[in-house]
Amino acid sequence: MRERFARASILLTFVFVFAARFLAIEPPQPSPISRLQSNIERITRSVNAKWGIYLKCIETGEEIAINADEPMDTMSVIKIPLMVGAFRQIEEKKFTLADRVTLKESDKRPGTGVIRSLDAGASLTIKDLLTLMIIVSDNTATDLVFEKVGGPGAVNKLMQDYKLNTIKATGTTDAWFKALRAAPSAMKFHQDAKAPFGISSARDMGRLLEKIEKGEAVNKSASEQMLQIMRGQVYSSRLPKYVTGFRLPHKTGDFLPYIGNDVGIMESDTHHVIICVFTAQHYGIGPNLEDAIARIAEQVANYFSYRLESK
């Protein structure tokens, strides 16, 4: 009797185990884009900084947004809206790319750029200024373009017309450097955050890049000219560093080690991926922050390359 009971218990146990395995509902697997977001978040946790990240594939509509709606200091990324503002006024016949500006000694600005090394009296076209403003982030060119378009207010009005309300040019490079020099230290200046060079959320800057990519920022011809300028970017230690298989027109923004930004568009024959990475409150080693940005872009490029190959 006991033996029959033991055999029956074993049989029932086997049936229950088999049924549990057969009927068990597998937990839902994360989507591929969710796995990409997890990989990106893991990279952000490797560096002690504040992050704002937005990416979108125009063809698939896939998006990732990590603190993407908080306005952050753009630093020189604000030069993209300024470039768009210049092309809008060119379309309105207020000036042309071929118009010339004669450099004065008082025009020269510190920081990044090459124009400050030229002799006063040098003659530069508006196209020269826009190109240098983007590809080497020339601060002298930036303020000359601001003067041409009517100042930061003209840029801000255009961004409001585009419904990109977090994008704000807050002042010229001259004003920013004067505020920095008046601060007790660079660290205190950043911590106080009272004089940002420009402000935008990662999402709104991404939406502006999407308008450029789609030919909707001013017009198709202007958009293509802007992209062509951005493709000449010389600083490649962030988004493009580990990316293969894509062109990457982009624009950096710097106040290292505290801020390292980069925004752009990964372009291939089949995919166009908007990627915007803003950072702040980083007090470590600048190249480590740059490398984290580069690793994020690498993850994005690998993801969309695999998506293409698996079709």
C-alpha atoms as a PDB file:
ATOM      1  CA  MET A   1       0.000   0.000   0.000  1.00  0.00           C
ATOM      2  CA  ARG A   2       2.772   2.367   0.970  1.00  0.00           C
ATOM      3  CA  GLU A   3       4.671   1.507  -2.214  1.00  0.00           C
ATOM      4  CA  ARG A   4       1.625   2.234  -4.379  1.00  0.00           C
ATOM      5  CA  PHE A   5       1.132   5.560  -2.572  1.00  0.00           C
ATOM      6  CA  ALA A   6       4.802   6.483  -3.074  1.00  0.00           C
ATOM      7  CA  ARG A   7       4.632   5.593  -6.789  1.00  0.00           C
ATOM      8  CA  ALA A   8       1.443   7.631  -7.169  1.00  0.00           C
ATOM      9  CA  SER A   9       3.071  10.614  -5.424  1.00  0.00           C
ATOM     10  CA  ILE A  10       6.082  10.430  -7.716  1.00  0.00           C
ATOM     11  CA  LEU A  11       3.830  10.170 -10.755  1.00  0.00           C
ATOM     12  CA  LEU A  12       1.751  13.157  -9.656  1.00  0.00           C
ATOM     13  CA  THR A  13       4.902  15.176  -8.968  1.00  0.00           C
ATOM     14  CA  PHE A  14       6.202  14.340 -12.450  1.00  0.00           C
ATOM     15  CA  VAL A  15       2.875  15.347 -14.016  1.00  0.00           C
ATOM     16  CA  PHE A  16       2.784  18.659 -12.140  1.00  0.00           C
ATOM     17  CA  VAL A  17       6.380  19.511 -13.011  1.00  0.00           C
ATOM     18  CA  PHE A  18       5.875  18.609 -16.665  1.00  0.00           C
ATOM     19  CA  ALA A  19       2.608  20.555 -16.843  1.00  0.00           C
ATOM     20  CA  ALA A  20       4.178  23.573 -15.134  1.00  0.00           C
ATOM     21  CA  ARG A  21       6.987  23.616 -17.666  1.00  0.00           C
ATOM     22  CA  PHE A  22       4.652  23.062 -20.573  1.00  0.00           C
ATOM     23  CA  LEU A  23       2.038  25.568 -19.531  1.00  0.00           C
ATOM     24  CA  ALA A  24       4.277  28.193 -17.971  1.00  0.00           C
ATOM     25  CA  ILE A  25       3.877  31.607 -19.520  1.00  0.00           C
ATOM     26  CA  GLU A  26       7.200  33.026 -20.585  1.00  0.00           C
ATOM     27  CA  PRO A  27       7.817  36.525 -19.236  1.00  0.00           C
ATOM     28  CA  PRO A  28       7.616  39.171 -21.963  1.00  0.00           C
ATOM     29  CA  GLN A  29      10.960  39.914 -23.568  1.00  0.00           C
ATOM     30  CA  PRO A  30      12.107  43.534 -23.793  1.00  0.00           C
ATOM     31  CA  SER A  31      11.832  45.076 -27.242  1.00  0.00           C
ATOM     32  CA  PRO A  32      15.056  45.704 -29.178  1.00  0.00           C
ATOM     33  CA  ILE A  33      14.764  49.478 -28.700  1.00  0.00           C
ATOM     34  CA  SER A  34      14.294  48.929 -24.945  1.00  0.00           C
ATOM     35  CA  ARG A  35      17.499  46.912 -24.855  1.00  0.00           C
ATOM     36  CA  LEU A  36      19.287  49.728 -26.672  1.00  0.00           C
ATOM     37  CA  GLN A  37      17.981  52.209 -24.101  1.00  0.00           C
ATOM     38  CA  SER A  38      19.197  49.958 -21.286  1.00  0.00           C
ATOM     39  CA  ASN A  39      22.657  49.837 -22.863  1.00  0.00           C
ATOM     40  CA  ILE A  40      22.711  53.629 -23.152  1.00  0.00           C
ATOM     41  CA  GLU A  41      21.590  54.052 -19.550  1.00  0.00           C
ATOM     42  CA  ARG A  42      24.333  51.695 -18.414  1.00  0.00           C
ATOM     43  CA  ILE A  43      26.909  53.887 -20.154  1.00  0.00           C
ATOM     44  CA  THR A  44      25.517  57.040 -18.539  1.00  0.00           C
ATOM     45  CA  ARG A  45      25.845  55.416 -15.112  1.00  0.00           C
ATOM     46  CA  SER A  46      29.544  54.836 -15.761  1.00  0.00           C
ATOM     47  CA  VAL A  47      30.176  58.605 -15.631  1.00  0.00           C
ATOM     48  CA  ASN A  48      28.992  60.849 -12.824  1.00  0.00           C
ATOM     49  CA  ALA A  49      27.190  63.570 -14.763  1.00  0.00           C
ATOM     50  CA  LYS A  50      23.748  64.887 -15.576  1.00  0.00           C
ATOM     51  CA  TRP A  51      22.511  63.621 -18.944  1.00  0.00           C
ATOM     52  CA  GLY A  52      19.872  64.648 -21.454  1.00  0.00           C
ATOM     53  CA  ILE A  53      19.561  62.264 -24.410  1.00  0.00           C
ATOM     54  CA  TYR A  54      17.192  62.070 -27.350  1.00  0.00           C
ATOM     55  CA  LEU A  55      17.361  59.911 -30.442  1.00  0.00           C
ATOM     56  CA  LYS A  56      14.927  59.140 -33.219  1.00  0.00           C
ATOM     57  CA  CYS A  57      15.125  57.112 -36.406  1.00  0.00           C
ATOM     58  CA  ILE A  58      13.237  59.049 -39.056  1.00  0.00           C
ATOM     59  CA  GLU A  59      12.440  55.937 -41.114  1.00  0.00           C
ATOM     60  CA  THR A  60      11.216  53.642 -38.306  1.00  0.00           C
ATOM     61  CA  GLY A  61       9.945  56.229 -35.834  1.00  0.00           C
ATOM     62  CA  GLU A  62      11.806  54.527 -32.979  1.00  0.00           C
ATOM     63  CA  GLU A  63      12.686  56.946 -30.193  1.00  0.00           C
ATOM     64  CA  ILE A  64      14.657  56.999 -26.969  1.00  0.00           C
ATOM     65  CA  ALA A  65      14.268  59.876 -24.518  1.00  0.00           C
ATOM     66  CA  ILE A  66      16.289  60.073 -21.303  1.00  0.00           C
ATOM     67  CA  ASN A  67      15.689  63.317 -19.419  1.00  0.00           C
ATOM     68  CA  ALA A  68      15.038  64.655 -22.906  1.00  0.00           C
ATOM     69  CA  ASP A  69      12.644  67.468 -21.989  1.00  0.00           C
ATOM     70  CA  GLU A  70      14.731  69.311 -19.407  1.00  0.00           C
ATOM     71  CA  PRO A  71      16.352  72.494 -20.758  1.00  0.00           C
ATOM     72  CA  MET A  72      20.135  72.245 -20.476  1.00  0.00           C
ATOM     73  CA  ASP A  73      23.090  74.445 -21.372  1.00  0.00           C
ATOM     74  CA  THR A  74      23.826  73.864 -25.042  1.00  0.00           C
ATOM     75  CA  MET A  75      27.148  75.670 -25.127  1.00  0.00           C
ATOM     76  CA  SER A  76      28.132  75.912 -28.820  1.00  0.00           C
ATOM     77  CA  VAL A  77      25.334  73.608 -29.990  1.00  0.00           C
ATOM     78  CA  ILE A  78      23.245  76.815 -30.005  1.00  0.00           C
ATOM     79  CA  LYS A  79      25.180  77.724 -33.155  1.00  0.00           C
ATOM     80  CA  ILE A  80      22.907  75.339 -35.091  1.00  0.00           C
ATOM     81  CA  PRO A  81      19.775  77.456 -34.428  1.00  0.00           C
ATOM     82  CA  LEU A  82      21.856  80.541 -35.243  1.00  0.00           C
ATOM     83  CA  MET A  83      22.843  78.981 -38.573  1.00  0.00           C
ATOM     84  CA  VAL A  84      19.182  78.185 -39.297  1.00  0.00           C
ATOM     85  CA  GLY A  85      18.290  81.789 -38.473  1.00  0.00           C
ATOM     86  CA  ALA A  86      20.897  83.055 -40.926  1.00  0.00           C
ATOM     87  CA  PHE A  87      19.580  80.846 -43.720  1.00  0.00           C
ATOM     88  CA  ARG A  88      16.026  82.004 -42.988  1.00  0.00           C
ATOM     89  CA  GLN A  89      17.099  85.634 -43.482  1.00  0.00           C
ATOM     90  CA  ILE A  90      18.987  84.677 -46.630  1.00  0.00           C
ATOM     91  CA  GLU A  91      15.732  83.218 -47.964  1.00  0.00           C
ATOM     92  CA  GLU A  92      14.040  86.512 -47.053  1.00  0.00           C
ATOM     93  CA  LYS A  93      16.653  88.340 -49.193  1.00  0.00           C
ATOM     94  CA  LYS A  94      18.055  90.284 -46.237  1.00  0.00           C
ATOM     95  CA  PHE A  95      21.591  89.263 -47.238  1.00  0.00           C
ATOM     96  CA  THR A  96      23.362  86.541 -49.219  1.00  0.00           C
ATOM     97  CA  LEU A  97      25.994  83.907 -48.574  1.00  0.00           C
ATOM     98  CA  ALA A  98      28.353  85.878 -50.804  1.00  0.00           C
ATOM     99  CA  ASP A  99      28.061  89.115 -48.806  1.00  0.00           C
ATOM    100  CA  ARG A 100      31.330  90.104 -47.178  1.00  0.00           C
ATOM    101  CA  VAL A 101      32.256  91.273 -43.687  1.00  0.00           C
ATOM    102  CA  THR A 102      35.504  93.098 -42.981  1.00  0.00           C
ATOM    103  CA  LEU A 103      37.139  91.944 -39.758  1.00  0.00           C
ATOM    104  CA  LYS A 104      37.896  94.573 -37.119  1.00  0.00           C
ATOM    105  CA  GLU A 105      40.225  94.074 -34.163  1.00  0.00           C
ATOM    106  CA  SER A 106      37.275  94.636 -31.828  1.00  0.00           C
ATOM    107  CA  ASP A 107      35.394  91.725 -33.485  1.00  0.00           C
ATOM    108  CA  LYS A 108      37.873  89.133 -32.243  1.00  0.00           C
ATOM    109  CA  ARG A 109      36.688  86.742 -29.520  1.00  0.00           C
ATOM    110  CA  PRO A 110      38.591  84.322 -27.254  1.00  0.00           C
ATOM    111  CA  GLY A 111      38.107  80.568 -27.170  1.00  0.00           C
ATOM    112  CA  THR A 112      37.674  78.304 -30.137  1.00  0.00           C
ATOM    113  CA  GLY A 113      38.190  79.442 -33.706  1.00  0.00           C
ATOM    114  CA  VAL A 114      40.748  80.700 -36.191  1.00  0.00           C
ATOM    115  CA  ILE A 115      39.479  84.134 -37.235  1.00  0.00           C
ATOM    116  CA  ARG A 116      40.935  85.758 -34.120  1.00  0.00           C
ATOM    117  CA  SER A 117      44.368  84.839 -35.515  1.00  0.00           C
ATOM    118  CA  LEU A 118      43.763  86.791 -38.730  1.00  0.00           C
ATOM    119  CA  ASP A 119      44.796  90.387 -39.280  1.00  0.00           C
ATOM    120  CA  ALA A 120      42.163  93.087 -38.972  1.00  0.00           C
ATOM    121  CA  GLY A 121      40.950  93.993 -42.441  1.00  0.00           C
ATOM    122  CA  ALA A 122      40.485  90.393 -43.533  1.00  0.00           C
ATOM    123  CA  SER A 123      37.399  89.995 -45.713  1.00  0.00           C
ATOM    124  CA  LEU A 124      35.139  86.997 -45.089  1.00  0.00           C
ATOM    125  CA  THR A 125      31.897  85.948 -46.745  1.00  0.00           C
ATOM    126  CA  ILE A 126      28.803  85.019 -44.751  1.00  0.00           C
ATOM    127  CA  LYS A 127      29.368  81.466 -45.964  1.00  0.00           C
ATOM    128  CA  ASP A 128      32.901  81.600 -44.536  1.00  0.00           C
ATOM    129  CA  LEU A 129      31.518  82.740 -41.180  1.00  0.00           C
ATOM    130  CA  LEU A 130      28.800  80.074 -41.057  1.00  0.00           C
ATOM    131  CA  THR A 131      31.242  77.348 -42.042  1.00  0.00           C
ATOM    132  CA  LEU A 132      33.861  78.321 -39.454  1.00  0.00           C
ATOM    133  CA  MET A 133      31.178  78.842 -36.798  1.00  0.00           C
ATOM    134  CA  ILE A 134      30.136  75.191 -37.203  1.00  0.00           C
ATOM    135  CA  ILE A 135      33.207  73.176 -38.174  1.00  0.00           C
ATOM    136  CA  VAL A 136      35.682  74.772 -35.727  1.00  0.00           C
ATOM    137  CA  SER A 137      33.074  76.467 -33.491  1.00  0.00           C
ATOM    138  CA  ASP A 138      34.616  79.853 -34.228  1.00  0.00           C
ATOM    139  CA  ASN A 139      33.448  82.366 -31.611  1.00  0.00           C
ATOM    140  CA  THR A 140      34.408  85.436 -33.631  1.00  0.00           C
ATOM    141  CA  ALA A 141      32.365  84.121 -36.557  1.00  0.00           C
ATOM    142  CA  THR A 142      29.474  83.444 -34.173  1.00  0.00           C
ATOM    143  CA  ASP A 143      29.234  87.008 -32.935  1.00  0.00           C
ATOM    144  CA  LEU A 144      29.577  88.374 -36.463  1.00  0.00           C
ATOM    145  CA  VAL A 145      26.645  86.160 -37.532  1.00  0.00           C
ATOM    146  CA  PHE A 146      24.646  87.235 -34.470  1.00  0.00           C
ATOM    147  CA  GLU A 147      25.231  90.844 -35.524  1.00  0.00           C
ATOM    148  CA  LYS A 148      24.135  90.069 -39.071  1.00  0.00           C
ATOM    149  CA  VAL A 149      20.843  88.414 -38.095  1.00  0.00           C
ATOM    150  CA  GLY A 150      19.898  90.989 -35.450  1.00  0.00           C
ATOM    151  CA  GLY A 151      21.058  89.289 -32.253  1.00  0.00           C
ATOM    152  CA  PRO A 152      19.875  86.363 -30.122  1.00  0.00           C
ATOM    153  CA  GLY A 153      16.293  87.671 -30.106  1.00  0.00           C
ATOM    154  CA  ALA A 154      15.928  87.037 -33.828  1.00  0.00           C
ATOM    155  CA  VAL A 155      17.041  83.426 -33.368  1.00  0.00           C
ATOM    156  CA  ASN A 156      14.674  82.921 -30.441  1.00  0.00           C
ATOM    157  CA  LYS A 157      11.710  84.262 -32.393  1.00  0.00           C
ATOM    158  CA  LEU A 158      12.368  81.762 -35.186  1.00  0.00           C
ATOM    159  CA  MET A 159      12.590  78.884 -32.706  1.00  0.00           C
ATOM    160  CA  GLN A 160       9.269  79.972 -31.216  1.00  0.00           C
ATOM    161  CA  ASP A 161       7.781  80.032 -34.722  1.00  0.00           C
ATOM    162  CA  TYR A 162       8.998  76.429 -35.049  1.00  0.00           C
ATOM    163  CA  LYS A 163       7.339  75.619 -31.663  1.00  0.00           C
ATOM    164  CA  LEU A 164      10.762  74.690 -30.258  1.00  0.00           C
ATOM    165  CA  ASN A 165      10.159  76.678 -27.120  1.00  0.00           C
ATOM    166  CA  THR A 166      13.045  75.394 -25.002  1.00  0.00           C
ATOM    167  CA  ILE A 167      15.641  76.560 -27.547  1.00  0.00           C
ATOM    168  CA  LYS A 168      16.945  79.962 -26.514  1.00  0.00           C
ATOM    169  CA  ALA A 169      20.068  81.832 -27.530  1.00  0.00           C
ATOM    170  CA  THR A 170      20.853  83.653 -24.284  1.00  0.00           C
ATOM    171  CA  GLY A 171      23.591  85.984 -25.508  1.00  0.00           C
ATOM    172  CA  THR A 172      26.684  86.498 -27.592  1.00  0.00           C
ATOM    173  CA  THR A 173      30.021  84.818 -26.996  1.00  0.00           C
ATOM    174  CA  ASP A 174      31.365  88.196 -25.894  1.00  0.00           C
ATOM    175  CA  ALA A 175      28.734  88.385 -23.120  1.00  0.00           C
ATOM    176  CA  TRP A 176      29.418  84.799 -22.050  1.00  0.00           C
ATOM    177  CA  PHE A 177      33.178  85.287 -21.735  1.00  0.00           C
ATOM    178  CA  LYS A 178      32.677  88.514 -19.779  1.00  0.00           C
ATOM    179  CA  ALA A 179      30.394  86.657 -17.343  1.00  0.00           C
ATOM    180  CA  LEU A 180      32.933  83.855 -16.992  1.00  0.00           C
ATOM    181  CA  ARG A 181      35.773  86.288 -16.296  1.00  0.00           C
ATOM    182  CA  ALA A 182      33.673  87.989 -13.601  1.00  0.00           C
ATOM    183  CA  ALA A 183      33.011  84.688 -11.775  1.00  0.00           C
ATOM    184  CA  PRO A 184      35.170  83.562  -8.818  1.00  0.00           C
ATOM    185  CA  SER A 185      36.109  80.360 -10.676  1.00  0.00           C
ATOM    186  CA  ALA A 186      35.059  78.281 -13.675  1.00  0.00           C
ATOM    187  CA  MET A 187      33.574  75.653 -11.352  1.00  0.00           C
ATOM    188  CA  LYS A 188      31.524  78.211  -9.436  1.00  0.00           C
ATOM    189  CA  PHE A 189      30.390  79.742 -12.731  1.00  0.00           C
ATOM    190  CA  HIS A 190      29.084  76.361 -13.882  1.00  0.00           C
ATOM    191  CA  GLN A 191      27.516  75.477 -10.531  1.00  0.00           C
ATOM    192  CA  ASP A 192      25.643  78.782 -10.369  1.00  0.00           C
ATOM    193  CA  ALA A 193      24.388  78.276 -13.957  1.00  0.00           C
ATOM    194  CA  LYS A 194      23.374  81.930 -14.179  1.00  0.00           C
ATOM    195  CA  ALA A 195      24.880  82.632 -17.605  1.00  0.00           C
ATOM    196  CA  PRO A 196      24.339  79.708 -19.986  1.00  0.00           C
ATOM    197  CA  PHE A 197      25.534  80.249 -23.534  1.00  0.00           C
ATOM    198  CA  GLY A 198      22.315  78.753 -24.869  1.00  0.00           C
ATOM    199  CA  ILE A 199      19.481  76.576 -23.619  1.00  0.00           C
ATOM    200  CA  SER A 200      17.590  73.674 -25.133  1.00  0.00           C
ATOM    201  CA  SER A 201      16.118  70.329 -24.261  1.00  0.00           C
ATOM    202  CA  ALA A 202      17.627  67.366 -26.069  1.00  0.00           C
ATOM    203  CA  ARG A 203      14.245  66.657 -27.669  1.00  0.00           C
ATOM    204  CA  ASP A 204      13.761  70.155 -29.096  1.00  0.00           C
ATOM    205  CA  MET A 205      17.274  70.229 -30.525  1.00  0.00           C
ATOM    206  CA  GLY A 206      16.522  66.828 -32.038  1.00  0.00           C
ATOM    207  CA  ARG A 207      13.308  68.157 -33.563  1.00  0.00           C
ATOM    208  CA  LEU A 208      15.276  71.012 -35.138  1.00  0.00           C
ATOM    209  CA  LEU A 209      17.765  68.529 -36.603  1.00  0.00           C
ATOM    210  CA  GLU A 210      14.860  66.486 -37.946  1.00  0.00           C
ATOM    211  CA  LYS A 211      13.494  69.587 -39.694  1.00  0.00           C
ATOM    212  CA  ILE A 212      16.919  70.152 -41.253  1.00  0.00           C
ATOM    213  CA  GLU A 213      17.204  66.520 -42.342  1.00  0.00           C
ATOM    214  CA  LYS A 214      13.713  66.573 -43.895  1.00  0.00           C
ATOM    215  CA  GLY A 215      14.360  69.857 -45.720  1.00  0.00           C
ATOM    216  CA  GLU A 216      11.780  71.664 -43.581  1.00  0.00           C
ATOM    217  CA  ALA A 217      14.150  74.124 -41.879  1.00  0.00           C
ATOM    218  CA  VAL A 218      13.818  77.149 -44.196  1.00  0.00           C
ATOM    219  CA  ASN A 219      13.706  75.051 -47.413  1.00  0.00           C
ATOM    220  CA  LYS A 220      15.300  71.967 -48.986  1.00  0.00           C
ATOM    221  CA  SER A 221      18.182  73.851 -50.537  1.00  0.00           C
ATOM    222  CA  ALA A 222      19.037  75.626 -47.282  1.00  0.00           C
ATOM    223  CA  SER A 223      18.756  72.384 -45.329  1.00  0.00           C
ATOM    224  CA  GLU A 224      21.162  70.611 -47.677  1.00  0.00           C
ATOM    225  CA  GLN A 225      23.642  73.472 -47.420  1.00  0.00           C
ATOM    226  CA  MET A 226      23.441  73.344 -43.625  1.00  0.00           C
ATOM    227  CA  LEU A 227      23.984  69.585 -43.597  1.00  0.00           C
ATOM    228  CA  GLN A 228      26.934  69.960 -45.938  1.00  0.00           C
ATOM    229  CA  ILE A 229      28.513  72.464 -43.558  1.00  0.00           C
ATOM    230  CA  MET A 230      27.915  70.161 -40.577  1.00  0.00           C
ATOM    231  CA  ARG A 231      29.498  67.233 -42.423  1.00  0.00           C
ATOM    232  CA  GLY A 232      32.753  69.201 -42.351  1.00  0.00           C
ATOM    233  CA  GLN A 233      32.913  69.176 -38.532  1.00  0.00           C
ATOM    234  CA  VAL A 234      36.538  68.705 -37.471  1.00  0.00           C
ATOM    235  CA  TYR A 235      35.963  67.653 -33.834  1.00  0.00           C
ATOM    236  CA  SER A 236      35.492  63.888 -33.823  1.00  0.00           C
ATOM    237  CA  SER A 237      36.200  62.748 -30.255  1.00  0.00           C
ATOM    238  CA  ARG A 238      32.524  62.230 -29.354  1.00  0.00           C
ATOM    239  CA  LEU A 239      29.668  61.016 -31.568  1.00  0.00           C
ATOM    240  CA  PRO A 240      31.761  59.937 -34.593  1.00  0.00           C
ATOM    241  CA  LYS A 241      34.629  58.326 -32.660  1.00  0.00           C
ATOM    242  CA  TYR A 242      33.512  54.678 -32.860  1.00  0.00           C
ATOM    243  CA  VAL A 243      30.815  54.953 -35.533  1.00  0.00           C
ATOM    244  CA  THR A 244      31.217  53.179 -38.872  1.00  0.00           C
ATOM    245  CA  GLY A 245      28.791  52.825 -41.749  1.00  0.00           C
ATOM    246  CA  PHE A 246      27.230  56.268 -41.286  1.00  0.00           C
ATOM    247  CA  ARG A 247      28.050  59.841 -42.200  1.00  0.00           C
ATOM    248  CA  LEU A 248      27.568  62.043 -39.186  1.00  0.00           C
ATOM    249  CA  PRO A 249      27.023  65.776 -39.642  1.00  0.00           C
ATOM    250  CA  HIS A 250      27.146  67.131 -36.096  1.00  0.00           C
ATOM    251  CA  LYS A 251      27.949  70.014 -33.762  1.00  0.00           C
ATOM    252  CA  THR A 252      29.735  69.931 -30.434  1.00  0.00           C
ATOM    253  CA  GLY A 253      29.365  72.187 -27.419  1.00  0.00           C
ATOM    254  CA  ASP A 254      32.046  72.491 -24.753  1.00  0.00           C
ATOM    255  CA  PHE A 255      32.784  73.693 -21.271  1.00  0.00           C
ATOM    256  CA  LEU A 256      34.940  70.785 -20.167  1.00  0.00           C
ATOM    257  CA  PRO A 257      35.140  69.089 -17.793  1.00  0.00           C
ATOM    258  CA  TYR A 258      31.670  70.258 -16.732  1.00  0.00           C
ATOM    259  CA  ILE A 259      29.821  70.133 -20.074  1.00  0.00           C
ATOM    260  CA  GLY A 260      30.472  68.057 -23.182  1.00  0.00           C
ATOM    261  CA  ASN A 261      27.655  68.042 -25.737  1.00  0.00           C
ATOM    262  CA  ASP A 262      27.287  66.645 -29.233  1.00  0.00           C
ATOM    263  CA  VAL A 263      24.266  66.496 -31.523  1.00  0.00           C
ATOM    264  CA  GLY A 264      23.941  65.231 -35.070  1.00  0.00           C
ATOM    265  CA  ILE A 265      22.371  62.917 -37.616  1.00  0.00           C
ATOM    266  CA  MET A 266      23.626  59.430 -38.439  1.00  0.00           C
ATOM    267  CA  GLU A 267      23.116  59.150 -42.198  1.00  0.00           C
ATOM    268  CA  SER A 268      23.141  56.014 -44.328  1.00  0.00           C
ATOM    269  CA  ASP A 269      21.347  55.019 -47.511  1.00  0.00           C
ATOM    270  CA  THR A 270      18.514  53.523 -45.463  1.00  0.00           C
ATOM    271  CA  HIS A 271      18.538  55.149 -42.039  1.00  0.00           C
ATOM    272  CA  HIS A 272      18.709  58.703 -40.711  1.00  0.00           C
ATOM    273  CA  VAL A 273      18.996  58.750 -36.941  1.00  0.00           C
ATOM    274  CA  ILE A 274      18.789  61.960 -34.927  1.00  0.00           C
ATOM    275  CA  ILE A 275      21.052  61.805 -31.871  1.00  0.00           C
ATOM    276  CA  CYS A 276      21.384  64.526 -29.240  1.00  0.00           C
ATOM    277  CA  VAL A 277      23.515  64.121 -26.128  1.00  0.00           C
ATOM    278  CA  PHE A 278      23.706  66.903 -23.546  1.00  0.00           C
ATOM    279  CA  THR A 279      25.651  66.704 -20.284  1.00  0.00           C
ATOM    280  CA  ALA A 280      26.281  68.900 -17.260  1.00  0.00           C
ATOM    281  CA  GLN A 281      27.644  68.781 -13.699  1.00  0.00           C
ATOM    282  CA  HIS A 282      30.591  66.615 -14.625  1.00  0.00           C
ATOM    283  CA  TYR A 283      33.639  67.189 -12.433  1.00  0.00           C
ATOM    284  CA  GLY A 284      35.819  64.306 -13.540  1.00  0.00           C
ATOM    285  CA  ILE A 285      38.199  63.863 -16.467  1.00  0.00           C
ATOM    286  CA  GLY A 286      36.937  65.475 -19.676  1.00  0.00           C
ATOM    287  CA  PRO A 287      38.084  62.723 -22.080  1.00  0.00           C
ATOM    288  CA  ASN A 288      36.180  60.135 -20.016  1.00  0.00           C
ATOM    289  CA  LEU A 289      32.968  62.092 -20.565  1.00  0.00           C
ATOM    290  CA  GLU A 290      33.721  62.390 -24.269  1.00  0.00           C
ATOM    291  CA  ASP A 291      34.359  58.654 -24.520  1.00  0.00           C
ATOM    292  CA  ALA A 292      31.039  57.857 -22.841  1.00  0.00           C
ATOM    293  CA  ILE A 293      29.270  59.985 -25.460  1.00  0.00           C
ATOM    294  CA  ALA A 294      31.193  58.129 -28.157  1.00  0.00           C
ATOM    295  CA  ARG A 295      30.170  54.749 -26.710  1.00  0.00           C
ATOM    296  CA  ILE A 296      26.500  55.821 -26.729  1.00  0.00           C
ATOM    297  CA  ALA A 297      26.775  56.686 -30.423  1.00  0.00           C
ATOM    298  CA  GLU A 298      28.506  53.352 -31.062  1.00  0.00           C
ATOM    299  CA  GLN A 299      25.568  51.496 -29.497  1.00  0.00           C
ATOM    300  CA  VAL A 300      23.097  53.442 -31.642  1.00  0.00           C
ATOM    301  CA  ALA A 301      25.066  52.852 -34.846  1.00  0.00           C
ATOM    302  CA  ASN A 302      25.454  49.127 -34.141  1.00  0.00           C
ATOM    303  CA  TYR A 303      21.744  48.790 -33.388  1.00  0.00           C
ATOM    304  CA  PHE A 304      20.592  50.361 -36.635  1.00  0.00           C
ATOM    305  CA  SER A 305      23.279  48.609 -38.660  1.00  0.00           C
ATOM    306  CA  TYR A 306      22.026  45.268 -37.315  1.00  0.00           C
ATOM    307  CA  ARG A 307      18.430  46.242 -38.051  1.00  0.00           C
ATOM    308  CA  LEU A 308      19.444  46.858 -41.658  1.00  0.00           C
ATOM    309  CA  GLU A 309      21.408  43.612 -42.010  1.00  0.00           C
ATOM    310  CA  SER A 310      18.665  41.465 -40.425  1.00  0.00           C
ATOM    311  CA  LYS A 311      16.007  42.563 -42.938  1.00  0.00           C
END
